[in-house]
PDB file of all heavy atoms in Angstrom:
ATOM      1  N   TYR A   1      -0.631  -9.000  -0.438  1.00  0.00           N
ATOM      2  CA  TYR A   1       0.071 -10.286  -0.414  1.00  0.00           C
ATOM      3  C   TYR A   1       1.570 -10.054  -0.264  1.00  0.00           C
ATOM      4  O   TYR A   1       2.090  -8.951  -0.486  1.00  0.00           O
ATOM      5  CB  TYR A   1      -0.207 -11.072  -1.696  1.00  0.00           C
ATOM      6  CG  TYR A   1       0.202 -10.366  -2.972  1.00  0.00           C
ATOM      7  CD1 TYR A   1       1.420 -10.641  -3.586  1.00  0.00           C
ATOM      8  CD2 TYR A   1      -0.625  -9.409  -3.552  1.00  0.00           C
ATOM      9  CE1 TYR A   1       1.806  -9.989  -4.747  1.00  0.00           C
ATOM     10  CE2 TYR A   1      -0.256  -8.748  -4.713  1.00  0.00           C
ATOM     11  CZ  TYR A   1       0.958  -9.042  -5.311  1.00  0.00           C
ATOM     12  OH  TYR A   1       1.347  -8.378  -6.451  1.00  0.00           O
ATOM     13  N   LYS A   2       2.266 -11.098   0.141  1.00  0.00           N
ATOM     14  CA  LYS A   2       3.724 -11.023   0.241  1.00  0.00           C
ATOM     15  C   LYS A   2       4.340 -12.061  -0.688  1.00  0.00           C
ATOM     16  O   LYS A   2       3.782 -13.137  -0.902  1.00  0.00           O
ATOM     17  CB  LYS A   2       4.190 -11.242   1.678  1.00  0.00           C
ATOM     18  CG  LYS A   2       3.904 -12.620   2.249  1.00  0.00           C
ATOM     19  CD  LYS A   2       4.571 -12.804   3.605  1.00  0.00           C
ATOM     20  CE  LYS A   2       4.396 -14.239   4.095  1.00  0.00           C
ATOM     21  NZ  LYS A   2       5.158 -14.538   5.303  1.00  0.00           N
ATOM     22  N   THR A   3       5.474 -11.697  -1.248  1.00  0.00           N
ATOM     23  CA  THR A   3       6.196 -12.609  -2.120  1.00  0.00           C
ATOM     24  C   THR A   3       7.667 -12.237  -2.127  1.00  0.00           C
ATOM     25  O   THR A   3       8.022 -11.069  -2.281  1.00  0.00           O
ATOM     26  CB  THR A   3       5.622 -12.579  -3.558  1.00  0.00           C
ATOM     27  OG1 THR A   3       6.396 -13.427  -4.394  1.00  0.00           O
ATOM     28  CG2 THR A   3       5.619 -11.179  -4.152  1.00  0.00           C
ATOM     29  N   ARG A   4       8.518 -13.216  -1.904  1.00  0.00           N
ATOM     30  CA  ARG A   4       9.971 -13.032  -1.950  1.00  0.00           C
ATOM     31  C   ARG A   4      10.453 -11.832  -1.133  1.00  0.00           C
ATOM     32  O   ARG A   4      11.200 -10.984  -1.621  1.00  0.00           O
ATOM     33  CB  ARG A   4      10.434 -12.891  -3.398  1.00  0.00           C
ATOM     34  CG  ARG A   4      10.207 -14.133  -4.235  1.00  0.00           C
ATOM     35  CD  ARG A   4      10.888 -14.033  -5.567  1.00  0.00           C
ATOM     36  NE  ARG A   4      10.652 -15.215  -6.374  1.00  0.00           N
ATOM     37  CZ  ARG A   4      11.172 -15.381  -7.592  1.00  0.00           C
ATOM     38  NH1 ARG A   4      11.954 -14.458  -8.114  1.00  0.00           N
ATOM     39  NH2 ARG A   4      10.905 -16.485  -8.271  1.00  0.00           N
ATOM     40  N   GLY A   5       9.986 -11.760   0.100  1.00  0.00           N
ATOM     41  CA  GLY A   5      10.465 -10.709   0.987  1.00  0.00           C
ATOM     42  C   GLY A   5       9.891  -9.339   0.700  1.00  0.00           C
ATOM     43  O   GLY A   5      10.396  -8.333   1.205  1.00  0.00           O
ATOM     44  N   ARG A   6       8.847  -9.269  -0.119  1.00  0.00           N
ATOM     45  CA  ARG A   6       8.187  -8.000  -0.419  1.00  0.00           C
ATOM     46  C   ARG A   6       6.702  -8.114  -0.096  1.00  0.00           C
ATOM     47  O   ARG A   6       6.113  -9.187  -0.205  1.00  0.00           O
ATOM     48  CB  ARG A   6       8.326  -7.650  -1.907  1.00  0.00           C
ATOM     49  CG  ARG A   6       9.746  -7.345  -2.352  1.00  0.00           C
ATOM     50  CD  ARG A   6      10.163  -5.993  -1.861  1.00  0.00           C
ATOM     51  NE  ARG A   6      11.199  -5.399  -2.664  1.00  0.00           N
ATOM     52  CZ  ARG A   6      12.144  -4.625  -2.175  1.00  0.00           C
ATOM     53  NH1 ARG A   6      12.186  -4.386  -0.885  1.00  0.00           N
ATOM     54  NH2 ARG A   6      13.043  -4.067  -2.950  1.00  0.00           N
ATOM     55  N   ILE A   7       6.100  -6.993   0.289  1.00  0.00           N
ATOM     56  CA  ILE A   7       4.649  -6.942   0.477  1.00  0.00           C
ATOM     57  C   ILE A   7       4.085  -5.963  -0.544  1.00  0.00           C
ATOM     58  O   ILE A   7       4.598  -4.846  -0.704  1.00  0.00           O
ATOM     59  CB  ILE A   7       4.285  -6.513   1.911  1.00  0.00           C
ATOM     60  CG1 ILE A   7       4.718  -7.607   2.903  1.00  0.00           C
ATOM     61  CG2 ILE A   7       2.786  -6.247   2.037  1.00  0.00           C
ATOM     62  CD1 ILE A   7       4.494  -7.249   4.356  1.00  0.00           C
ATOM     63  N   TYR A   8       3.039  -6.394  -1.239  1.00  0.00           N
ATOM     64  CA  TYR A   8       2.426  -5.568  -2.275  1.00  0.00           C
ATOM     65  C   TYR A   8       0.943  -5.359  -1.971  1.00  0.00           C
ATOM     66  O   TYR A   8       0.289  -6.223  -1.372  1.00  0.00           O
ATOM     67  CB  TYR A   8       2.547  -6.228  -3.652  1.00  0.00           C
ATOM     68  CG  TYR A   8       3.968  -6.371  -4.148  1.00  0.00           C
ATOM     69  CD1 TYR A   8       4.667  -7.564  -3.982  1.00  0.00           C
ATOM     70  CD2 TYR A   8       4.616  -5.316  -4.790  1.00  0.00           C
ATOM     71  CE1 TYR A   8       5.967  -7.704  -4.434  1.00  0.00           C
ATOM     72  CE2 TYR A   8       5.916  -5.442  -5.249  1.00  0.00           C
ATOM     73  CZ  TYR A   8       6.593  -6.636  -5.070  1.00  0.00           C
ATOM     74  OH  TYR A   8       7.882  -6.763  -5.509  1.00  0.00           O
ATOM     75  N   VAL A   9       0.430  -4.222  -2.415  1.00  0.00           N
ATOM     76  CA  VAL A   9      -1.005  -3.959  -2.402  1.00  0.00           C
ATOM     77  C   VAL A   9      -1.417  -3.694  -3.841  1.00  0.00           C
ATOM     78  O   VAL A   9      -0.990  -2.700  -4.445  1.00  0.00           O
ATOM     79  CB  VAL A   9      -1.362  -2.739  -1.522  1.00  0.00           C
ATOM     80  CG1 VAL A   9      -2.868  -2.473  -1.572  1.00  0.00           C
ATOM     81  CG2 VAL A   9      -0.896  -2.949  -0.091  1.00  0.00           C
ATOM     82  N   ASP A  10      -2.217  -4.585  -4.405  1.00  0.00           N
ATOM     83  CA  ASP A  10      -2.748  -4.386  -5.760  1.00  0.00           C
ATOM     84  C   ASP A  10      -4.120  -3.729  -5.659  1.00  0.00           C
ATOM     85  O   ASP A  10      -4.983  -4.190  -4.893  1.00  0.00           O
ATOM     86  CB  ASP A  10      -2.876  -5.718  -6.499  1.00  0.00           C
ATOM     87  CG  ASP A  10      -1.528  -6.281  -6.929  1.00  0.00           C
ATOM     88  OD1 ASP A  10      -0.529  -5.535  -6.850  1.00  0.00           O
ATOM     89  OD2 ASP A  10      -1.475  -7.463  -7.329  1.00  0.00           O
ATOM     90  N   CYS A  11      -4.316  -2.667  -6.407  1.00  0.00           N
ATOM     91  CA  CYS A  11      -5.585  -1.928  -6.406  1.00  0.00           C
ATOM     92  C   CYS A  11      -6.313  -2.261  -7.707  1.00  0.00           C
ATOM     93  O   CYS A  11      -5.842  -1.897  -8.795  1.00  0.00           O
ATOM     94  CB  CYS A  11      -5.329  -0.429  -6.306  1.00  0.00           C
ATOM     95  SG  CYS A  11      -4.241   0.025  -4.945  1.00  0.00           S
ATOM     96  N   GLU A  12      -7.423  -2.947  -7.570  1.00  0.00           N
ATOM     97  CA  GLU A  12      -8.153  -3.407  -8.750  1.00  0.00           C
ATOM     98  C   GLU A  12      -9.295  -2.446  -9.046  1.00  0.00           C
ATOM     99  O   GLU A  12     -10.120  -2.157  -8.186  1.00  0.00           O
ATOM    100  CB  GLU A  12      -8.672  -4.827  -8.510  1.00  0.00           C
ATOM    101  CG  GLU A  12      -7.535  -5.826  -8.252  1.00  0.00           C
ATOM    102  CD  GLU A  12      -8.009  -7.147  -7.676  1.00  0.00           C
ATOM    103  OE1 GLU A  12      -9.251  -7.303  -7.528  1.00  0.00           O
ATOM    104  OE2 GLU A  12      -7.160  -8.005  -7.359  1.00  0.00           O
ATOM    105  N   GLY A  13      -9.324  -1.946 -10.276  1.00  0.00           N
ATOM    106  CA  GLY A  13     -10.391  -1.024 -10.669  1.00  0.00           C
ATOM    107  C   GLY A  13     -10.152   0.383 -10.158  1.00  0.00           C
ATOM    108  O   GLY A  13      -9.024   0.821  -9.921  1.00  0.00           O
ATOM    109  N   ILE A  14     -11.251   1.108  -9.947  1.00  0.00           N
ATOM    110  CA  ILE A  14     -11.176   2.515  -9.540  1.00  0.00           C
ATOM    111  C   ILE A  14     -11.000   2.603  -8.023  1.00  0.00           C
ATOM    112  O   ILE A  14     -11.675   1.901  -7.267  1.00  0.00           O
ATOM    113  CB  ILE A  14     -12.461   3.263  -9.969  1.00  0.00           C
ATOM    114  CG1 ILE A  14     -12.593   3.247 -11.493  1.00  0.00           C
ATOM    115  CG2 ILE A  14     -12.451   4.704  -9.465  1.00  0.00           C
ATOM    116  CD1 ILE A  14     -13.931   3.749 -12.000  1.00  0.00           C
ATOM    117  N   TYR A  15     -10.086   3.473  -7.582  1.00  0.00           N
ATOM    118  CA  TYR A  15      -9.875   3.683  -6.150  1.00  0.00           C
ATOM    119  C   TYR A  15      -9.399   5.106  -5.933  1.00  0.00           C
ATOM    120  O   TYR A  15      -9.010   5.808  -6.882  1.00  0.00           O
ATOM    121  CB  TYR A  15      -8.851   2.685  -5.598  1.00  0.00           C
ATOM    122  CG  TYR A  15      -7.422   2.977  -6.001  1.00  0.00           C
ATOM    123  CD1 TYR A  15      -6.548   3.624  -5.124  1.00  0.00           C
ATOM    124  CD2 TYR A  15      -6.944   2.640  -7.268  1.00  0.00           C
ATOM    125  CE1 TYR A  15      -5.242   3.913  -5.502  1.00  0.00           C
ATOM    126  CE2 TYR A  15      -5.647   2.923  -7.650  1.00  0.00           C
ATOM    127  CZ  TYR A  15      -4.790   3.561  -6.755  1.00  0.00           C
ATOM    128  OH  TYR A  15      -3.509   3.858  -7.127  1.00  0.00           O
ATOM    129  N   ASP A  16      -9.446   5.560  -4.684  1.00  0.00           N
ATOM    130  CA  ASP A  16      -9.008   6.907  -4.318  1.00  0.00           C
ATOM    131  C   ASP A  16      -7.558   6.836  -3.834  1.00  0.00           C
ATOM    132  O   ASP A  16      -7.285   6.333  -2.748  1.00  0.00           O
ATOM    133  CB  ASP A  16      -9.931   7.474  -3.228  1.00  0.00           C
ATOM    134  CG  ASP A  16      -9.628   8.934  -2.902  1.00  0.00           C
ATOM    135  OD1 ASP A  16      -8.456   9.343  -3.013  1.00  0.00           O
ATOM    136  OD2 ASP A  16     -10.565   9.663  -2.534  1.00  0.00           O
ATOM    137  N   TYR A  17      -6.639   7.346  -4.637  1.00  0.00           N
ATOM    138  CA  TYR A  17      -5.205   7.268  -4.328  1.00  0.00           C
ATOM    139  C   TYR A  17      -4.891   7.906  -2.977  1.00  0.00           C
ATOM    140  O   TYR A  17      -4.180   7.328  -2.145  1.00  0.00           O
ATOM    141  CB  TYR A  17      -4.420   7.964  -5.447  1.00  0.00           C
ATOM    142  CG  TYR A  17      -2.932   8.077  -5.212  1.00  0.00           C
ATOM    143  CD1 TYR A  17      -2.069   7.065  -5.614  1.00  0.00           C
ATOM    144  CD2 TYR A  17      -2.380   9.204  -4.602  1.00  0.00           C
ATOM    145  CE1 TYR A  17      -0.696   7.165  -5.409  1.00  0.00           C
ATOM    146  CE2 TYR A  17      -1.014   9.314  -4.389  1.00  0.00           C
ATOM    147  CZ  TYR A  17      -0.185   8.293  -4.791  1.00  0.00           C
ATOM    148  OH  TYR A  17       1.174   8.407  -4.578  1.00  0.00           O
ATOM    149  N   ASP A  18      -5.418   9.104  -2.736  1.00  0.00           N
ATOM    150  CA  ASP A  18      -5.122   9.818  -1.484  1.00  0.00           C
ATOM    151  C   ASP A  18      -5.670   9.065  -0.276  1.00  0.00           C
ATOM    152  O   ASP A  18      -5.014   9.001   0.773  1.00  0.00           O
ATOM    153  CB  ASP A  18      -5.713  11.240  -1.526  1.00  0.00           C
ATOM    154  CG  ASP A  18      -4.999  12.123  -2.534  1.00  0.00           C
ATOM    155  OD1 ASP A  18      -3.806  11.873  -2.798  1.00  0.00           O
ATOM    156  OD2 ASP A  18      -5.634  13.054  -3.068  1.00  0.00           O
ATOM    157  N   GLU A  19      -6.863   8.488  -0.421  1.00  0.00           N
ATOM    158  CA  GLU A  19      -7.460   7.735   0.685  1.00  0.00           C
ATOM    159  C   GLU A  19      -6.624   6.505   1.021  1.00  0.00           C
ATOM    160  O   GLU A  19      -6.372   6.208   2.198  1.00  0.00           O
ATOM    161  CB  GLU A  19      -8.891   7.315   0.317  1.00  0.00           C
ATOM    162  CG  GLU A  19      -9.616   6.575   1.434  1.00  0.00           C
ATOM    163  CD  GLU A  19     -10.980   6.055   1.014  1.00  0.00           C
ATOM    164  OE1 GLU A  19     -11.174   5.797  -0.204  1.00  0.00           O
ATOM    165  OE2 GLU A  19     -11.841   5.889   1.895  1.00  0.00           O
ATOM    166  N   VAL A  20      -6.161   5.803   0.009  1.00  0.00           N
ATOM    167  CA  VAL A  20      -5.378   4.591   0.228  1.00  0.00           C
ATOM    168  C   VAL A  20      -4.046   4.921   0.895  1.00  0.00           C
ATOM    169  O   VAL A  20      -3.642   4.264   1.872  1.00  0.00           O
ATOM    170  CB  VAL A  20      -5.157   3.839  -1.106  1.00  0.00           C
ATOM    171  CG1 VAL A  20      -4.123   2.731  -0.931  1.00  0.00           C
ATOM    172  CG2 VAL A  20      -6.468   3.246  -1.589  1.00  0.00           C
ATOM    173  N   THR A  21      -3.355   5.947   0.400  1.00  0.00           N
ATOM    174  CA  THR A  21      -2.064   6.299   1.014  1.00  0.00           C
ATOM    175  C   THR A  21      -2.254   6.783   2.443  1.00  0.00           C
ATOM    176  O   THR A  21      -1.436   6.482   3.324  1.00  0.00           O
ATOM    177  CB  THR A  21      -1.327   7.364   0.186  1.00  0.00           C
ATOM    178  OG1 THR A  21      -2.179   8.504  -0.023  1.00  0.00           O
ATOM    179  CG2 THR A  21      -0.898   6.804  -1.156  1.00  0.00           C
ATOM    180  N   GLU A  22      -3.354   7.500   2.706  1.00  0.00           N
ATOM    181  CA  GLU A  22      -3.624   7.952   4.078  1.00  0.00           C
ATOM    182  C   GLU A  22      -3.864   6.763   5.004  1.00  0.00           C
ATOM    183  O   GLU A  22      -3.373   6.739   6.145  1.00  0.00           O
ATOM    184  CB  GLU A  22      -4.841   8.885   4.092  1.00  0.00           C
ATOM    185  CG  GLU A  22      -5.112   9.500   5.444  1.00  0.00           C
ATOM    186  CD  GLU A  22      -6.304  10.449   5.429  1.00  0.00           C
ATOM    187  OE1 GLU A  22      -6.599  11.033   4.368  1.00  0.00           O
ATOM    188  OE2 GLU A  22      -6.949  10.596   6.484  1.00  0.00           O
ATOM    189  N   CYS A  23      -4.592   5.762   4.533  1.00  0.00           N
ATOM    190  CA  CYS A  23      -4.822   4.552   5.340  1.00  0.00           C
ATOM    191  C   CYS A  23      -3.513   3.822   5.612  1.00  0.00           C
ATOM    192  O   CYS A  23      -3.245   3.392   6.739  1.00  0.00           O
ATOM    193  CB  CYS A  23      -5.793   3.609   4.618  1.00  0.00           C
ATOM    194  SG  CYS A  23      -7.497   4.192   4.535  1.00  0.00           S
ATOM    195  N   LEU A  24      -2.684   3.681   4.599  1.00  0.00           N
ATOM    196  CA  LEU A  24      -1.427   2.951   4.755  1.00  0.00           C
ATOM    197  C   LEU A  24      -0.455   3.684   5.674  1.00  0.00           C
ATOM    198  O   LEU A  24       0.348   3.052   6.367  1.00  0.00           O
ATOM    199  CB  LEU A  24      -0.773   2.717   3.389  1.00  0.00           C
ATOM    200  CG  LEU A  24      -1.521   1.765   2.446  1.00  0.00           C
ATOM    201  CD1 LEU A  24      -0.846   1.730   1.077  1.00  0.00           C
ATOM    202  CD2 LEU A  24      -1.590   0.361   3.032  1.00  0.00           C
ATOM    203  N   GLN A  25      -0.538   5.013   5.709  1.00  0.00           N
ATOM    204  CA  GLN A  25       0.355   5.789   6.572  1.00  0.00           C
ATOM    205  C   GLN A  25       0.017   5.645   8.052  1.00  0.00           C
ATOM    206  O   GLN A  25       0.740   6.171   8.894  1.00  0.00           O
ATOM    207  CB  GLN A  25       0.324   7.265   6.169  1.00  0.00           C
ATOM    208  CG  GLN A  25       1.144   7.561   4.915  1.00  0.00           C
ATOM    209  CD  GLN A  25       1.172   9.034   4.574  1.00  0.00           C
ATOM    210  OE1 GLN A  25       0.153   9.635   4.236  1.00  0.00           O
ATOM    211  NE2 GLN A  25       2.340   9.636   4.670  1.00  0.00           N
ATOM    212  N   LYS A  26      -1.066   4.937   8.362  1.00  0.00           N
ATOM    213  CA  LYS A  26      -1.433   4.694   9.752  1.00  0.00           C
ATOM    214  C   LYS A  26      -1.148   3.255  10.193  1.00  0.00           C
ATOM    215  O   LYS A  26      -1.533   2.859  11.288  1.00  0.00           O
ATOM    216  CB  LYS A  26      -2.920   5.010   9.964  1.00  0.00           C
ATOM    217  CG  LYS A  26      -3.237   6.499   9.827  1.00  0.00           C
ATOM    218  CD  LYS A  26      -4.701   6.799  10.069  1.00  0.00           C
ATOM    219  CE  LYS A  26      -4.968   8.302  10.015  1.00  0.00           C
ATOM    220  NZ  LYS A  26      -6.394   8.621  10.205  1.00  0.00           N
ATOM    221  N   VAL A  27      -0.463   2.494   9.345  1.00  0.00           N
ATOM    222  CA  VAL A  27      -0.180   1.092   9.671  1.00  0.00           C
ATOM    223  C   VAL A  27       1.234   0.987  10.235  1.00  0.00           C
ATOM    224  O   VAL A  27       2.217   1.216   9.510  1.00  0.00           O
ATOM    225  CB  VAL A  27      -0.327   0.188   8.437  1.00  0.00           C
ATOM    226  CG1 VAL A  27       0.014  -1.259   8.799  1.00  0.00           C
ATOM    227  CG2 VAL A  27      -1.746   0.268   7.881  1.00  0.00           C
ATOM    228  N   PHE A  28       1.333   0.662  11.519  1.00  0.00           N
ATOM    229  CA  PHE A  28       2.645   0.507  12.135  1.00  0.00           C
ATOM    230  C   PHE A  28       3.375  -0.685  11.516  1.00  0.00           C
ATOM    231  O   PHE A  28       2.782  -1.732  11.266  1.00  0.00           O
ATOM    232  CB  PHE A  28       2.519   0.309  13.642  1.00  0.00           C
ATOM    233  CG  PHE A  28       2.018   1.521  14.368  1.00  0.00           C
ATOM    234  CD1 PHE A  28       0.996   1.421  15.300  1.00  0.00           C
ATOM    235  CD2 PHE A  28       2.560   2.767  14.127  1.00  0.00           C
ATOM    236  CE1 PHE A  28       0.532   2.531  15.990  1.00  0.00           C
ATOM    237  CE2 PHE A  28       2.114   3.893  14.795  1.00  0.00           C
ATOM    238  CZ  PHE A  28       1.099   3.774  15.727  1.00  0.00           C
ATOM    239  N   GLY A  29       4.662  -0.506  11.300  1.00  0.00           N
ATOM    240  CA  GLY A  29       5.479  -1.513  10.633  1.00  0.00           C
ATOM    241  C   GLY A  29       5.895  -1.086   9.239  1.00  0.00           C
ATOM    242  O   GLY A  29       6.881  -1.586   8.691  1.00  0.00           O
ATOM    243  N   ILE A  30       5.132  -0.149   8.642  1.00  0.00           N
ATOM    244  CA  ILE A  30       5.470   0.359   7.310  1.00  0.00           C
ATOM    245  C   ILE A  30       6.405   1.555   7.443  1.00  0.00           C
ATOM    246  O   ILE A  30       6.091   2.505   8.154  1.00  0.00           O
ATOM    247  CB  ILE A  30       4.194   0.778   6.545  1.00  0.00           C
ATOM    248  CG1 ILE A  30       3.297  -0.430   6.270  1.00  0.00           C
ATOM    249  CG2 ILE A  30       4.553   1.480   5.235  1.00  0.00           C
ATOM    250  CD1 ILE A  30       1.982  -0.083   5.585  1.00  0.00           C
ATOM    251  N   VAL A  31       7.543   1.513   6.755  1.00  0.00           N
ATOM    252  CA  VAL A  31       8.434   2.676   6.747  1.00  0.00           C
ATOM    253  C   VAL A  31       8.347   3.447   5.438  1.00  0.00           C
ATOM    254  O   VAL A  31       8.724   4.618   5.374  1.00  0.00           O
ATOM    255  CB  VAL A  31       9.903   2.293   7.036  1.00  0.00           C
ATOM    256  CG1 VAL A  31      10.039   1.651   8.396  1.00  0.00           C
ATOM    257  CG2 VAL A  31      10.458   1.392   5.962  1.00  0.00           C
ATOM    258  N   GLY A  32       7.861   2.796   4.377  1.00  0.00           N
ATOM    259  CA  GLY A  32       7.730   3.490   3.104  1.00  0.00           C
ATOM    260  C   GLY A  32       6.649   2.872   2.239  1.00  0.00           C
ATOM    261  O   GLY A  32       6.456   1.653   2.240  1.00  0.00           O
ATOM    262  N   ILE A  33       5.927   3.721   1.503  1.00  0.00           N
ATOM    263  CA  ILE A  33       4.865   3.284   0.595  1.00  0.00           C
ATOM    264  C   ILE A  33       5.264   3.766  -0.791  1.00  0.00           C
ATOM    265  O   ILE A  33       5.384   4.969  -1.033  1.00  0.00           O
ATOM    266  CB  ILE A  33       3.502   3.894   0.993  1.00  0.00           C
ATOM    267  CG1 ILE A  33       3.168   3.541   2.457  1.00  0.00           C
ATOM    268  CG2 ILE A  33       2.405   3.437   0.043  1.00  0.00           C
ATOM    269  CD1 ILE A  33       2.309   4.582   3.139  1.00  0.00           C
ATOM    270  N   CYS A  34       5.492   2.829  -1.699  1.00  0.00           N
ATOM    271  CA  CYS A  34       5.994   3.176  -3.033  1.00  0.00           C
ATOM    272  C   CYS A  34       4.915   2.918  -4.081  1.00  0.00           C
ATOM    273  O   CYS A  34       4.577   1.749  -4.336  1.00  0.00           O
ATOM    274  CB  CYS A  34       7.231   2.350  -3.368  1.00  0.00           C
ATOM    275  SG  CYS A  34       8.527   2.441  -2.128  1.00  0.00           S
ATOM    276  N   PRO A  35       4.354   3.977  -4.695  1.00  0.00           N
ATOM    277  CA  PRO A  35       3.433   3.760  -5.825  1.00  0.00           C
ATOM    278  C   PRO A  35       4.226   3.198  -7.011  1.00  0.00           C
ATOM    279  O   PRO A  35       5.218   3.773  -7.443  1.00  0.00           O
ATOM    280  CB  PRO A  35       2.908   5.173  -6.130  1.00  0.00           C
ATOM    281  CG  PRO A  35       3.294   6.015  -4.947  1.00  0.00           C
ATOM    282  CD  PRO A  35       4.524   5.396  -4.379  1.00  0.00           C
ATOM    283  N   VAL A  36       3.780   2.057  -7.514  1.00  0.00           N
ATOM    284  CA  VAL A  36       4.564   1.289  -8.481  1.00  0.00           C
ATOM    285  C   VAL A  36       3.825   1.200  -9.809  1.00  0.00           C
ATOM    286  O   VAL A  36       2.603   1.019  -9.845  1.00  0.00           O
ATOM    287  CB  VAL A  36       4.819  -0.135  -7.931  1.00  0.00           C
ATOM    288  CG1 VAL A  36       5.381  -1.048  -9.003  1.00  0.00           C
ATOM    289  CG2 VAL A  36       5.761  -0.084  -6.741  1.00  0.00           C
TER     290      VAL A  36
END
């Protein structure tokens, strides 16, 4: 979702951190992925 000029990805429950970051690193338009 996006809010106030920011885009966030909320991960609910158990997920694979490396898999998610690898997927996001293939999305054009993203310059940085910040684990928050």
